[in-house]
Amino acid sequence: MTVDIDKTAGRETPPDGPRAIRAIPVRHYGRYISAVIAIAVLVAIIYAFGQGKINWQAVPDYFFDDRILTGVSKTLLLTALSMVIGIVGGIVLAVMRLSKNPVTSSIAWFYIWFFRGTPVLVQLFVWFNLGLVFEYINLGPIYKDYWSSFMTPLLTALLGLGLNEAAYMAEICRAGLLAVDEGQTEAAHALGMSHSKTLRRIVIPQAMRVIVPPTGNEVINMLKTTSLVAAVQFQELFRFAQDIGQTSGSPVEMYFCAAAWYLIMTSVLSVGQYYVERYYARGSSRQLPPTPLQKVKSHLTSFSSRKVAA
């Protein structure tokens, strides 16, 4: 074979140019093994439940039962009201915590320390049993009644869940407010804006991008935490499922039914959280991530274009 000599470079090169490099992909045998193990475990779990003495027909039979649907509506209502209390209280506590007044800052710190440090179930039982300590609730000319009549299961659930959530939302809101650059506040004050107006117009809108994602997680967590109020006699989804399970003789099946409803509600809330996060990301991202519908549309368009080209 004859070769050309590149006299300028001082080396020999083949006449047909350099040979193409053949890339050999690295084989990840660990991935295959882990996938096989995961599938085997999943099949074993499904087989175990299939062999168990479970009346699966009871789940669809009671899935749209009036009591179950009433429990779903009460669960959603309790979640919404508790989150309103938690968000409003969290904003107030976050502002108090960031205040230069040592008294208000210390009160906010103590509140957050106490409610984050005690379990929600314990707080629910404390509110529910305060009638053993206080016989009456006396608000002067406004309201006076026995504590047992005043502290209904609904009020107990709202206080236990809402006040506990306010402690967590306070830290989320505080993190969002601290994420805004101090120069924004200084510029607003230089323009003559008051502190409250600066918070409303400048700081809070920018902090929402940091506050919204964990708040969405808190809403989903609150939806599941509402199952604890069954311990204080409040009738919601889990309590109705328990009652139906005891009367129908299918307690485990009703737990599966309640779990299915919780999965549906949390999935819907997760979709809503995605679009809310996408809305508040407009000011920080040059190009927003595609929505699920846009992804499906792009895949269908690319598939049709490849089909036409073929």
Foldseek 3Di string as FASTA:
>chain_A
DDWDADPVVRDTARPVGDDDDDDDDDDDVVVVVVVVVVVVVVVVVVVVVVPDPADLVVLVVCLPPPLLVQQAVVLVVLLVLLLVLQQVLLVVLLCQCPDPPPVSVVVSVVLLCVLQVDDLLVQLVCLLPCLVVPQWDDPDPPDIDGSNVVSDLSNSSSCSRNSSSNSVSNVQLNVLQVVDDVVQVVVCVVVVDDPVVCCVPPRVLNSCLSNLLVSLVVSLVSSVVSLSSVVSVDRHNNVSLCVCCVVVVRNVSSVVSSVVSSVVVSVVSVLVSVVVSQVSCVVPDPDGDDDPVVVVVVVVVVVVVVVVVD
